[in-house]
């Protein structure tokens, strides 16, 4: 059992007891930064993984845009709720309960999007996360990462990162193309400060 799997009961309890629309990360639209990046890079198709899908909104938007989408989350309750919403719209998405630190997912993917998974991991789990994501992404594929920024006040919630920390953690298996200061769209007011990172899987 990975250290992350020990947290499954807590995530299950939260999704069973709280309406997903009231959770801090709920955002019904496609993430603003991801939308702009997809348009700029002219990415319109391919095999996409929504990592830590939670309410499934991002996976559904990617499917509507023409991607073949796999959506994974550690919470079976989250997966079940998102699957029901997608099926009601007739969207063909592969839903999978999965722990990325002990993943059963099979790549390669052309695109991976993480909107709030990485930044919950402890420092000793990060290298394993980076290696796993690199293995799942095809050489030359694109990885989009959104995480809390060091500019976010306080210490509650996810870990915070500086652009320099992101580059140090991911350089090697990835070419870090950009790390931009932004906000984390959701239900909180004010919106938390975030980093939006665009990376390409190294081809050698």
N, C-alpha and C. Protein backbone atom coordinates (compact mmCIF):
# COMPACT_ATOMS: atom_id res chain seq x y z
N UNK A 1 0.84 -1.20 0.00
CA UNK A 1 0.00 0.00 0.00
C UNK A 1 0.88 1.25 0.00
N UNK A 2 0.61 2.18 -0.91
CA UNK A 2 1.37 3.42 -0.92
C UNK A 2 0.86 4.34 0.18
N UNK A 3 1.70 5.34 0.51
CA UNK A 3 1.28 6.31 1.53
C UNK A 3 0.02 7.03 1.09
N UNK A 4 -0.13 7.22 -0.21
CA UNK A 4 -1.31 7.92 -0.71
C UNK A 4 -2.58 7.11 -0.50
N UNK A 5 -2.49 5.78 -0.64
CA UNK A 5 -3.66 4.94 -0.47
C UNK A 5 -4.23 5.02 0.95
N UNK A 6 -3.38 5.37 1.92
CA UNK A 6 -3.86 5.49 3.28
C UNK A 6 -4.87 6.62 3.44
N UNK A 7 -4.90 7.55 2.47
CA UNK A 7 -5.80 8.70 2.55
C UNK A 7 -7.12 8.44 1.83
N UNK A 8 -7.29 7.26 1.24
CA UNK A 8 -8.52 6.97 0.51
C UNK A 8 -9.76 7.15 1.39
N UNK A 9 -9.78 6.61 2.62
CA UNK A 9 -11.00 6.78 3.43
C UNK A 9 -11.37 8.24 3.64
N UNK A 10 -10.39 9.14 3.82
CA UNK A 10 -10.69 10.55 4.03
C UNK A 10 -11.32 11.17 2.79
N UNK A 11 -10.78 10.85 1.61
CA UNK A 11 -11.37 11.38 0.38
C UNK A 11 -12.76 10.80 0.16
N UNK A 12 -12.93 9.52 0.43
CA UNK A 12 -14.25 8.89 0.27
C UNK A 12 -15.28 9.56 1.18
N UNK A 13 -14.89 9.80 2.42
CA UNK A 13 -15.80 10.42 3.37
C UNK A 13 -16.20 11.82 2.90
N UNK A 14 -15.24 12.57 2.39
CA UNK A 14 -15.55 13.94 1.96
C UNK A 14 -16.52 13.93 0.79
N UNK A 15 -16.30 13.05 -0.17
CA UNK A 15 -17.18 13.04 -1.34
C UNK A 15 -18.56 12.47 -1.01
N UNK A 16 -18.65 11.65 0.01
CA UNK A 16 -19.95 11.13 0.40
C UNK A 16 -20.75 12.15 1.20
N UNK A 17 -20.07 13.04 1.92
CA UNK A 17 -20.76 13.92 2.85
C UNK A 17 -20.97 15.34 2.31
N UNK A 18 -20.23 15.72 1.27
CA UNK A 18 -20.29 17.10 0.79
C UNK A 18 -20.65 17.13 -0.69
N UNK A 19 -21.55 18.01 -1.07
CA UNK A 19 -21.91 18.16 -2.47
C UNK A 19 -20.70 18.64 -3.25
N UNK A 20 -20.43 18.00 -4.37
CA UNK A 20 -19.22 18.32 -5.13
C UNK A 20 -19.20 19.76 -5.60
N UNK A 21 -20.38 20.33 -5.84
CA UNK A 21 -20.46 21.72 -6.32
C UNK A 21 -19.99 22.73 -5.27
N UNK A 22 -19.90 22.31 -4.00
CA UNK A 22 -19.47 23.22 -2.93
C UNK A 22 -18.00 23.07 -2.59
N UNK A 23 -17.29 22.16 -3.23
CA UNK A 23 -15.88 21.93 -2.92
C UNK A 23 -15.01 23.02 -3.53
N UNK A 24 -13.88 23.34 -2.88
CA UNK A 24 -13.08 24.50 -3.31
C UNK A 24 -12.62 24.42 -4.76
N UNK A 25 -12.37 23.22 -5.28
CA UNK A 25 -11.81 23.07 -6.63
C UNK A 25 -12.87 22.91 -7.71
N UNK A 26 -14.16 22.95 -7.33
CA UNK A 26 -15.19 22.75 -8.35
C UNK A 26 -15.22 23.93 -9.30
N UNK A 27 -15.16 23.63 -10.60
CA UNK A 27 -15.22 24.66 -11.64
C UNK A 27 -15.89 24.03 -12.85
N UNK A 28 -17.12 24.48 -13.18
CA UNK A 28 -17.88 23.79 -14.22
C UNK A 28 -17.34 24.00 -15.63
N UNK A 29 -16.61 25.08 -15.85
CA UNK A 29 -16.05 25.36 -17.18
C UNK A 29 -14.69 24.68 -17.32
N UNK A 30 -14.17 24.66 -18.55
CA UNK A 30 -12.81 24.21 -18.76
C UNK A 30 -11.87 25.21 -18.10
N UNK A 31 -10.89 24.70 -17.36
CA UNK A 31 -9.92 25.57 -16.69
C UNK A 31 -9.43 26.63 -17.67
N UNK A 32 -9.45 27.89 -17.24
CA UNK A 32 -9.13 29.00 -18.13
C UNK A 32 -7.73 28.89 -18.73
N UNK A 33 -6.78 28.51 -17.90
CA UNK A 33 -5.39 28.40 -18.37
C UNK A 33 -5.21 27.23 -19.32
N UNK A 34 -5.87 26.12 -19.04
CA UNK A 34 -5.78 24.98 -19.94
C UNK A 34 -6.42 25.31 -21.29
N UNK A 35 -7.57 25.96 -21.26
CA UNK A 35 -8.23 26.33 -22.51
C UNK A 35 -7.31 27.18 -23.39
N UNK A 36 -6.68 28.18 -22.78
CA UNK A 36 -5.80 29.07 -23.54
C UNK A 36 -4.60 28.31 -24.08
N UNK A 37 -4.05 27.40 -23.28
CA UNK A 37 -2.88 26.64 -23.72
C UNK A 37 -3.22 25.69 -24.85
N UNK A 38 -4.37 25.02 -24.75
CA UNK A 38 -4.79 24.12 -25.83
C UNK A 38 -4.97 24.89 -27.14
N UNK A 39 -5.54 26.08 -27.04
CA UNK A 39 -5.75 26.88 -28.24
C UNK A 39 -4.42 27.36 -28.81
N UNK A 40 -3.52 27.82 -27.95
CA UNK A 40 -2.23 28.31 -28.41
C UNK A 40 -1.41 27.22 -29.07
N UNK A 41 -1.42 26.02 -28.46
CA UNK A 41 -0.65 24.90 -28.98
C UNK A 41 -1.38 24.14 -30.09
N UNK A 42 -2.62 24.53 -30.33
CA UNK A 42 -3.46 23.89 -31.35
C UNK A 42 -3.59 22.39 -31.11
N UNK A 43 -3.83 22.04 -29.84
CA UNK A 43 -4.05 20.64 -29.47
C UNK A 43 -5.55 20.37 -29.50
N UNK A 44 -5.98 19.47 -30.37
CA UNK A 44 -7.41 19.25 -30.56
C UNK A 44 -7.82 17.77 -30.51
N UNK A 45 -6.84 16.88 -30.44
CA UNK A 45 -7.18 15.46 -30.43
C UNK A 45 -6.04 14.68 -29.79
N UNK A 46 -6.28 13.40 -29.57
CA UNK A 46 -5.28 12.55 -28.97
C UNK A 46 -5.82 11.89 -27.71
N UNK A 47 -4.98 11.10 -27.09
CA UNK A 47 -5.36 10.38 -25.88
C UNK A 47 -4.98 11.23 -24.67
N UNK A 48 -5.98 11.62 -23.88
CA UNK A 48 -5.77 12.53 -22.75
C UNK A 48 -6.09 11.85 -21.43
N UNK A 49 -5.31 12.18 -20.40
CA UNK A 49 -5.55 11.71 -19.05
C UNK A 49 -5.83 12.91 -18.16
N UNK A 50 -7.01 12.90 -17.50
CA UNK A 50 -7.34 13.90 -16.48
C UNK A 50 -7.01 13.27 -15.14
N UNK A 51 -5.91 13.70 -14.56
CA UNK A 51 -5.35 13.06 -13.36
C UNK A 51 -5.89 13.74 -12.11
N UNK A 52 -6.59 12.97 -11.28
CA UNK A 52 -7.27 13.55 -10.13
C UNK A 52 -8.51 14.28 -10.58
N UNK A 53 -9.37 13.57 -11.31
CA UNK A 53 -10.49 14.21 -12.01
C UNK A 53 -11.55 14.79 -11.09
N UNK A 54 -11.75 14.18 -9.92
CA UNK A 54 -12.71 14.64 -8.92
C UNK A 54 -14.09 14.86 -9.52
N UNK A 55 -14.60 16.09 -9.69
CA UNK A 55 -15.97 16.20 -10.23
C UNK A 55 -16.09 15.84 -11.69
N UNK A 56 -14.97 15.67 -12.39
CA UNK A 56 -15.01 15.22 -13.78
C UNK A 56 -15.28 16.30 -14.80
N UNK A 57 -15.40 17.55 -14.37
CA UNK A 57 -15.75 18.62 -15.31
C UNK A 57 -14.69 18.81 -16.38
N UNK A 58 -13.42 18.73 -15.98
CA UNK A 58 -12.34 18.94 -16.96
C UNK A 58 -12.29 17.80 -17.97
N UNK A 59 -12.48 16.58 -17.51
CA UNK A 59 -12.50 15.43 -18.41
C UNK A 59 -13.62 15.56 -19.43
N UNK A 60 -14.78 16.01 -18.97
CA UNK A 60 -15.92 16.14 -19.88
C UNK A 60 -15.67 17.22 -20.93
N UNK A 61 -15.06 18.32 -20.53
CA UNK A 61 -14.74 19.37 -21.50
C UNK A 61 -13.71 18.88 -22.52
N UNK A 62 -12.72 18.12 -22.07
CA UNK A 62 -11.73 17.58 -23.00
C UNK A 62 -12.39 16.62 -24.00
N UNK A 63 -13.32 15.82 -23.51
CA UNK A 63 -14.04 14.91 -24.41
C UNK A 63 -14.86 15.69 -25.44
N UNK A 64 -15.51 16.75 -25.01
CA UNK A 64 -16.29 17.57 -25.94
C UNK A 64 -15.39 18.20 -27.00
N UNK A 65 -14.14 18.43 -26.66
CA UNK A 65 -13.20 19.05 -27.60
C UNK A 65 -12.61 18.04 -28.58
N UNK A 66 -12.90 16.76 -28.38
CA UNK A 66 -12.45 15.78 -29.35
C UNK A 66 -11.36 14.84 -28.87
N UNK A 67 -10.97 14.95 -27.61
CA UNK A 67 -9.95 14.07 -27.07
C UNK A 67 -10.57 12.73 -26.65
N UNK A 68 -9.78 11.67 -26.72
CA UNK A 68 -10.14 10.38 -26.15
C UNK A 68 -9.65 10.38 -24.70
N UNK A 69 -10.58 10.45 -23.76
CA UNK A 69 -10.25 10.81 -22.39
C UNK A 69 -10.33 9.63 -21.43
N UNK A 70 -9.29 9.50 -20.60
CA UNK A 70 -9.32 8.67 -19.41
C UNK A 70 -9.29 9.60 -18.21
N UNK A 71 -10.19 9.38 -17.26
CA UNK A 71 -10.27 10.22 -16.07
C UNK A 71 -10.06 9.34 -14.84
N UNK A 72 -9.10 9.70 -14.00
CA UNK A 72 -8.74 8.87 -12.85
C UNK A 72 -8.78 9.69 -11.57
N UNK A 73 -9.18 9.03 -10.49
CA UNK A 73 -9.19 9.66 -9.18
C UNK A 73 -9.05 8.59 -8.12
N UNK A 74 -8.50 8.95 -6.98
CA UNK A 74 -8.32 7.99 -5.90
C UNK A 74 -9.65 7.64 -5.22
N UNK A 75 -10.67 8.51 -5.40
CA UNK A 75 -11.96 8.30 -4.75
C UNK A 75 -12.94 7.60 -5.69
N UNK A 76 -13.42 6.44 -5.32
CA UNK A 76 -14.43 5.72 -6.09
C UNK A 76 -15.74 6.49 -6.11
N UNK A 77 -16.06 7.18 -5.02
CA UNK A 77 -17.29 7.97 -4.97
C UNK A 77 -17.23 9.11 -5.98
N UNK A 78 -16.08 9.78 -6.08
CA UNK A 78 -15.93 10.86 -7.06
C UNK A 78 -16.08 10.32 -8.48
N UNK A 79 -15.46 9.18 -8.75
CA UNK A 79 -15.54 8.58 -10.08
C UNK A 79 -16.99 8.22 -10.41
N UNK A 80 -17.69 7.64 -9.46
CA UNK A 80 -19.06 7.21 -9.71
C UNK A 80 -19.96 8.40 -10.04
N UNK A 81 -19.81 9.50 -9.31
CA UNK A 81 -20.63 10.67 -9.58
C UNK A 81 -20.31 11.31 -10.91
N UNK A 82 -19.02 11.41 -11.23
CA UNK A 82 -18.63 12.01 -12.50
C UNK A 82 -19.08 11.15 -13.68
N UNK A 83 -18.96 9.83 -13.53
CA UNK A 83 -19.38 8.93 -14.62
C UNK A 83 -20.87 9.10 -14.92
N UNK A 84 -21.68 9.22 -13.88
CA UNK A 84 -23.13 9.38 -14.08
C UNK A 84 -23.44 10.66 -14.86
N UNK A 85 -22.75 11.74 -14.54
CA UNK A 85 -22.98 13.01 -15.24
C UNK A 85 -22.56 12.89 -16.71
N UNK A 86 -21.42 12.25 -16.96
CA UNK A 86 -20.94 12.11 -18.33
C UNK A 86 -21.85 11.22 -19.16
N UNK A 87 -22.32 10.13 -18.55
CA UNK A 87 -23.20 9.23 -19.28
C UNK A 87 -24.53 9.90 -19.62
N UNK A 88 -24.99 10.79 -18.73
CA UNK A 88 -26.24 11.51 -18.99
C UNK A 88 -26.10 12.43 -20.20
N UNK A 89 -24.87 12.86 -20.47
CA UNK A 89 -24.62 13.72 -21.64
C UNK A 89 -24.18 12.91 -22.86
N UNK A 90 -24.05 11.60 -22.71
CA UNK A 90 -23.62 10.77 -23.81
C UNK A 90 -22.15 10.89 -24.14
N UNK A 91 -21.33 11.28 -23.16
CA UNK A 91 -19.89 11.43 -23.38
C UNK A 91 -19.18 10.11 -23.11
N UNK A 92 -18.35 9.70 -24.04
CA UNK A 92 -17.59 8.44 -23.91
C UNK A 92 -16.25 8.74 -23.24
N UNK A 93 -16.17 8.45 -21.95
CA UNK A 93 -14.96 8.68 -21.16
C UNK A 93 -14.66 7.40 -20.39
N UNK A 94 -13.39 7.04 -20.30
CA UNK A 94 -12.98 5.90 -19.48
C UNK A 94 -12.70 6.40 -18.07
N UNK A 95 -13.49 5.94 -17.11
CA UNK A 95 -13.36 6.36 -15.71
C UNK A 95 -12.65 5.27 -14.92
N UNK A 96 -11.68 5.63 -14.09
CA UNK A 96 -10.92 4.62 -13.36
C UNK A 96 -10.52 5.13 -11.98
N UNK A 97 -10.89 4.36 -10.96
CA UNK A 97 -10.38 4.63 -9.62
C UNK A 97 -8.92 4.20 -9.60
N UNK A 98 -8.03 5.10 -9.17
CA UNK A 98 -6.60 4.80 -9.28
C UNK A 98 -5.81 5.69 -8.32
N UNK A 99 -4.74 5.12 -7.79
CA UNK A 99 -3.77 5.86 -7.00
C UNK A 99 -2.55 6.08 -7.88
N UNK A 100 -2.26 7.31 -8.24
CA UNK A 100 -1.17 7.58 -9.18
C UNK A 100 0.18 7.11 -8.65
N UNK A 101 0.32 6.99 -7.33
CA UNK A 101 1.58 6.52 -6.77
C UNK A 101 1.71 5.01 -6.80
N UNK A 102 0.65 4.31 -7.14
CA UNK A 102 0.68 2.85 -7.34
C UNK A 102 -0.25 2.54 -8.50
N UNK A 103 -0.03 3.22 -9.61
CA UNK A 103 -1.03 3.29 -10.67
C UNK A 103 -1.22 1.98 -11.42
N UNK A 104 -2.46 1.78 -11.86
CA UNK A 104 -2.81 0.69 -12.76
C UNK A 104 -3.11 1.23 -14.16
N UNK A 105 -2.90 2.51 -14.37
CA UNK A 105 -3.17 3.13 -15.67
C UNK A 105 -2.15 2.65 -16.70
N UNK A 106 -2.59 2.58 -17.94
CA UNK A 106 -1.72 2.16 -19.04
C UNK A 106 -1.61 3.29 -20.04
N UNK A 107 -0.40 3.74 -20.28
CA UNK A 107 -0.17 4.76 -21.31
C UNK A 107 0.09 4.09 -22.65
N UNK A 108 0.62 4.81 -23.61
CA UNK A 108 1.01 6.21 -23.42
C UNK A 108 -0.14 7.17 -23.73
N UNK A 109 -0.11 8.32 -23.04
CA UNK A 109 -1.06 9.38 -23.30
C UNK A 109 -0.35 10.49 -24.08
N UNK A 110 -1.12 11.20 -24.89
CA UNK A 110 -0.58 12.35 -25.62
C UNK A 110 -0.60 13.61 -24.77
N UNK A 111 -1.51 13.65 -23.82
CA UNK A 111 -1.71 14.83 -22.98
C UNK A 111 -2.12 14.37 -21.59
N UNK A 112 -1.54 14.97 -20.57
CA UNK A 112 -1.94 14.72 -19.19
C UNK A 112 -2.19 16.06 -18.52
N UNK A 113 -3.31 16.16 -17.80
CA UNK A 113 -3.66 17.37 -17.06
C UNK A 113 -3.85 17.03 -15.60
N UNK A 114 -3.12 17.74 -14.74
CA UNK A 114 -3.24 17.59 -13.30
C UNK A 114 -3.65 18.94 -12.73
N UNK A 115 -4.88 19.01 -12.26
CA UNK A 115 -5.42 20.24 -11.69
C UNK A 115 -5.68 20.03 -10.20
N UNK A 116 -4.59 19.87 -9.45
CA UNK A 116 -4.75 19.78 -8.01
C UNK A 116 -4.42 18.46 -7.36
N UNK A 117 -3.73 17.58 -8.08
CA UNK A 117 -3.32 16.30 -7.49
C UNK A 117 -1.91 16.38 -6.91
N UNK A 118 -0.97 16.81 -7.73
CA UNK A 118 0.44 16.85 -7.33
C UNK A 118 0.67 17.61 -6.04
N UNK A 119 -0.01 18.74 -5.86
CA UNK A 119 0.33 19.61 -4.74
C UNK A 119 -0.16 19.09 -3.38
N UNK A 120 -0.82 17.94 -3.34
CA UNK A 120 -1.19 17.36 -2.04
C UNK A 120 -0.16 16.34 -1.54
N UNK A 121 0.82 15.99 -2.38
CA UNK A 121 1.77 14.95 -2.01
C UNK A 121 2.89 15.49 -1.12
N UNK A 122 3.34 14.62 -0.20
CA UNK A 122 4.46 14.95 0.67
C UNK A 122 5.76 14.99 -0.13
N UNK A 123 6.78 15.69 0.37
CA UNK A 123 8.04 15.79 -0.37
C UNK A 123 8.63 14.46 -0.79
N UNK A 124 8.52 13.42 0.06
CA UNK A 124 9.14 12.14 -0.28
C UNK A 124 8.33 11.35 -1.32
N UNK A 125 7.16 11.86 -1.72
CA UNK A 125 6.34 11.20 -2.74
C UNK A 125 6.51 11.82 -4.12
N UNK A 126 7.15 12.96 -4.19
CA UNK A 126 7.15 13.74 -5.43
C UNK A 126 7.98 13.10 -6.53
N UNK A 127 9.11 12.54 -6.20
CA UNK A 127 9.94 11.91 -7.23
C UNK A 127 9.22 10.74 -7.88
N UNK A 128 8.50 9.96 -7.09
CA UNK A 128 7.73 8.85 -7.64
C UNK A 128 6.62 9.33 -8.54
N UNK A 129 5.99 10.44 -8.15
CA UNK A 129 4.94 11.03 -8.99
C UNK A 129 5.52 11.46 -10.33
N UNK A 130 6.63 12.17 -10.31
CA UNK A 130 7.24 12.67 -11.55
C UNK A 130 7.60 11.50 -12.47
N UNK A 131 8.19 10.47 -11.90
CA UNK A 131 8.59 9.31 -12.71
C UNK A 131 7.38 8.61 -13.32
N UNK A 132 6.30 8.51 -12.56
CA UNK A 132 5.10 7.83 -13.07
C UNK A 132 4.44 8.62 -14.18
N UNK A 133 4.31 9.92 -13.99
CA UNK A 133 3.70 10.75 -15.04
C UNK A 133 4.55 10.71 -16.31
N UNK A 134 5.86 10.75 -16.15
CA UNK A 134 6.75 10.67 -17.32
C UNK A 134 6.58 9.34 -18.05
N UNK A 135 6.39 8.27 -17.29
CA UNK A 135 6.21 6.95 -17.91
C UNK A 135 4.88 6.86 -18.66
N UNK A 136 3.85 7.51 -18.14
CA UNK A 136 2.53 7.44 -18.77
C UNK A 136 2.41 8.32 -20.01
N UNK A 137 3.25 9.34 -20.11
CA UNK A 137 3.16 10.30 -21.21
C UNK A 137 4.12 9.89 -22.32
N UNK A 138 3.65 9.92 -23.55
CA UNK A 138 4.52 9.54 -24.67
C UNK A 138 5.63 10.57 -24.83
N UNK A 139 6.79 10.18 -25.35
CA UNK A 139 7.84 11.15 -25.65
C UNK A 139 7.30 12.24 -26.59
N UNK A 140 7.52 13.48 -26.22
CA UNK A 140 6.99 14.59 -26.98
C UNK A 140 5.60 15.01 -26.57
N UNK A 141 4.95 14.23 -25.69
CA UNK A 141 3.62 14.58 -25.22
C UNK A 141 3.64 15.76 -24.26
N UNK A 142 2.47 16.33 -24.00
CA UNK A 142 2.37 17.56 -23.22
C UNK A 142 1.74 17.29 -21.85
N UNK A 143 2.37 17.84 -20.82
CA UNK A 143 1.88 17.73 -19.45
C UNK A 143 1.53 19.13 -18.95
N UNK A 144 0.27 19.29 -18.54
CA UNK A 144 -0.20 20.54 -17.96
C UNK A 144 -0.41 20.32 -16.47
N UNK A 145 0.20 21.16 -15.65
CA UNK A 145 0.13 21.04 -14.20
C UNK A 145 -0.35 22.35 -13.60
N UNK A 146 -1.36 22.26 -12.74
CA UNK A 146 -1.81 23.42 -11.98
C UNK A 146 -1.69 23.11 -10.50
N UNK A 147 -1.00 23.98 -9.77
CA UNK A 147 -0.77 23.74 -8.34
C UNK A 147 -0.76 25.08 -7.61
N UNK A 148 -0.80 25.00 -6.30
CA UNK A 148 -0.76 26.22 -5.49
C UNK A 148 0.59 26.92 -5.65
N UNK A 149 0.55 28.24 -5.68
CA UNK A 149 1.74 29.06 -5.76
C UNK A 149 2.22 29.46 -4.37
N UNK A 150 3.51 29.70 -4.26
CA UNK A 150 4.08 30.19 -3.01
C UNK A 150 3.49 31.55 -2.64
N UNK A 151 2.89 32.24 -3.61
CA UNK A 151 2.27 33.54 -3.34
C UNK A 151 0.93 33.43 -2.63
N UNK A 152 0.39 32.21 -2.53
CA UNK A 152 -0.87 32.02 -1.81
C UNK A 152 -0.63 32.21 -0.31
N UNK A 153 -1.31 33.16 0.34
CA UNK A 153 -1.08 33.40 1.77
C UNK A 153 -1.47 32.19 2.62
N UNK A 154 -0.88 32.13 3.80
CA UNK A 154 -1.23 31.11 4.78
C UNK A 154 -0.57 29.79 4.52
N UNK A 155 -0.96 28.80 5.31
CA UNK A 155 -0.39 27.46 5.20
C UNK A 155 -1.45 26.37 5.08
N UNK A 156 -2.72 26.73 5.20
CA UNK A 156 -3.78 25.73 5.10
C UNK A 156 -3.89 25.21 3.67
N UNK A 157 -4.34 23.96 3.56
CA UNK A 157 -4.56 23.40 2.23
C UNK A 157 -3.31 22.81 1.62
N UNK A 158 -3.26 22.77 0.29
CA UNK A 158 -2.16 22.09 -0.41
C UNK A 158 -0.81 22.77 -0.20
N UNK A 159 0.24 22.04 -0.58
CA UNK A 159 1.59 22.59 -0.57
C UNK A 159 1.72 23.71 -1.60
N UNK A 160 2.59 24.67 -1.31
CA UNK A 160 2.87 25.78 -2.22
C UNK A 160 4.21 25.55 -2.92
N UNK A 161 4.33 26.10 -4.15
CA UNK A 161 5.55 25.93 -4.92
C UNK A 161 5.95 27.24 -5.58
N UNK A 162 7.26 27.40 -5.77
CA UNK A 162 7.79 28.48 -6.57
C UNK A 162 8.07 27.94 -7.97
N UNK A 163 8.17 28.82 -8.97
CA UNK A 163 8.55 28.35 -10.31
C UNK A 163 9.88 27.60 -10.30
N UNK A 164 10.82 28.05 -9.48
CA UNK A 164 12.12 27.40 -9.42
C UNK A 164 12.01 25.97 -8.89
N UNK A 165 11.14 25.77 -7.91
CA UNK A 165 10.93 24.41 -7.38
C UNK A 165 10.33 23.49 -8.44
N UNK A 166 9.38 24.00 -9.20
CA UNK A 166 8.76 23.19 -10.26
C UNK A 166 9.82 22.78 -11.27
N UNK A 167 10.64 23.73 -11.69
CA UNK A 167 11.68 23.41 -12.68
C UNK A 167 12.67 22.39 -12.14
N UNK A 168 13.03 22.51 -10.87
CA UNK A 168 13.98 21.56 -10.28
C UNK A 168 13.38 20.17 -10.17
N UNK A 169 12.10 20.07 -9.83
CA UNK A 169 11.45 18.78 -9.64
C UNK A 169 11.20 18.04 -10.96
N UNK A 170 10.87 18.78 -12.02
CA UNK A 170 10.42 18.14 -13.25
C UNK A 170 11.45 18.13 -14.37
N UNK A 171 12.48 18.97 -14.29
CA UNK A 171 13.49 18.98 -15.34
C UNK A 171 14.22 17.64 -15.36
N UNK A 172 14.53 17.19 -16.54
CA UNK A 172 15.12 15.86 -16.72
C UNK A 172 14.18 15.06 -17.60
N UNK A 173 13.16 14.42 -16.98
CA UNK A 173 12.19 13.72 -17.82
C UNK A 173 11.30 14.67 -18.62
N UNK A 174 11.23 15.94 -18.19
CA UNK A 174 10.40 16.92 -18.87
C UNK A 174 11.22 18.14 -19.28
N UNK A 175 10.80 18.75 -20.36
CA UNK A 175 11.26 20.08 -20.72
C UNK A 175 10.20 21.05 -20.23
N UNK A 176 10.55 21.84 -19.21
CA UNK A 176 9.59 22.78 -18.63
C UNK A 176 9.55 24.01 -19.53
N UNK A 177 8.46 24.17 -20.25
CA UNK A 177 8.35 25.23 -21.24
C UNK A 177 7.90 26.55 -20.66
N UNK A 178 7.01 26.51 -19.66
CA UNK A 178 6.56 27.75 -19.02
C UNK A 178 5.97 27.44 -17.65
N UNK A 179 6.15 28.39 -16.73
CA UNK A 179 5.52 28.34 -15.41
C UNK A 179 4.97 29.74 -15.17
N UNK A 180 3.65 29.85 -15.13
CA UNK A 180 3.00 31.16 -15.07
C UNK A 180 2.20 31.32 -13.79
N UNK A 181 2.27 32.51 -13.19
CA UNK A 181 1.44 32.83 -12.04
C UNK A 181 0.01 33.06 -12.52
N UNK A 182 -0.95 32.48 -11.80
CA UNK A 182 -2.35 32.59 -12.18
C UNK A 182 -3.20 32.41 -10.93
N UNK A 183 -4.46 32.04 -11.10
CA UNK A 183 -5.34 31.74 -9.97
C UNK A 183 -5.97 30.37 -10.19
N UNK A 184 -6.45 29.82 -9.11
CA UNK A 184 -7.09 28.51 -9.13
C UNK A 184 -8.60 28.73 -9.11
N UNK A 185 -9.23 28.59 -10.29
CA UNK A 185 -10.67 28.83 -10.35
C UNK A 185 -11.42 27.78 -9.53
N UNK A 186 -12.41 28.23 -8.80
CA UNK A 186 -13.19 27.33 -7.98
C UNK A 186 -14.23 28.10 -7.21
N UNK A 187 -14.55 27.62 -6.01
CA UNK A 187 -15.63 28.23 -5.23
C UNK A 187 -15.14 29.17 -4.14
N UNK A 188 -13.81 29.31 -3.97
CA UNK A 188 -13.28 30.16 -2.91
C UNK A 188 -13.25 31.62 -3.36
N UNK A 189 -13.34 32.52 -2.39
CA UNK A 189 -13.27 33.95 -2.65
C UNK A 189 -12.42 34.59 -1.54
N UNK A 190 -11.25 35.15 -1.90
CA UNK A 190 -10.70 35.30 -3.24
C UNK A 190 -10.15 33.98 -3.78
N UNK A 191 -9.96 33.93 -5.09
CA UNK A 191 -9.42 32.72 -5.71
C UNK A 191 -7.97 32.52 -5.28
N UNK A 192 -7.58 31.29 -4.93
CA UNK A 192 -6.20 31.03 -4.51
C UNK A 192 -5.20 31.31 -5.63
N UNK A 193 -3.99 31.71 -5.23
CA UNK A 193 -2.91 31.92 -6.18
C UNK A 193 -2.37 30.56 -6.63
N UNK A 194 -2.04 30.47 -7.90
CA UNK A 194 -1.64 29.18 -8.47
C UNK A 194 -0.52 29.36 -9.48
N UNK A 195 0.11 28.25 -9.83
CA UNK A 195 1.04 28.18 -10.95
C UNK A 195 0.42 27.29 -12.01
N UNK A 196 0.52 27.72 -13.27
CA UNK A 196 0.11 26.88 -14.39
C UNK A 196 1.37 26.57 -15.19
N UNK A 197 1.66 25.28 -15.32
CA UNK A 197 2.93 24.83 -15.88
C UNK A 197 2.68 24.01 -17.14
N UNK A 198 3.44 24.31 -18.18
CA UNK A 198 3.37 23.59 -19.44
C UNK A 198 4.72 22.88 -19.65
N UNK A 199 4.66 21.57 -19.81
CA UNK A 199 5.88 20.78 -19.95
C UNK A 199 5.73 19.80 -21.11
N UNK A 200 6.86 19.44 -21.68
CA UNK A 200 6.87 18.43 -22.74
C UNK A 200 7.75 17.27 -22.31
N UNK A 201 7.24 16.07 -22.53
CA UNK A 201 8.03 14.87 -22.19
C UNK A 201 9.26 14.82 -23.07
N UNK A 202 10.40 14.66 -22.43
CA UNK A 202 11.66 14.59 -23.18
C UNK A 202 11.63 13.43 -24.18
N UNK A 203 12.24 13.63 -25.34
CA UNK A 203 12.22 12.61 -26.39
C UNK A 203 13.44 11.72 -26.34
N UNK A 204 14.39 12.00 -25.47
CA UNK A 204 15.60 11.16 -25.35
C UNK A 204 15.76 10.70 -23.92
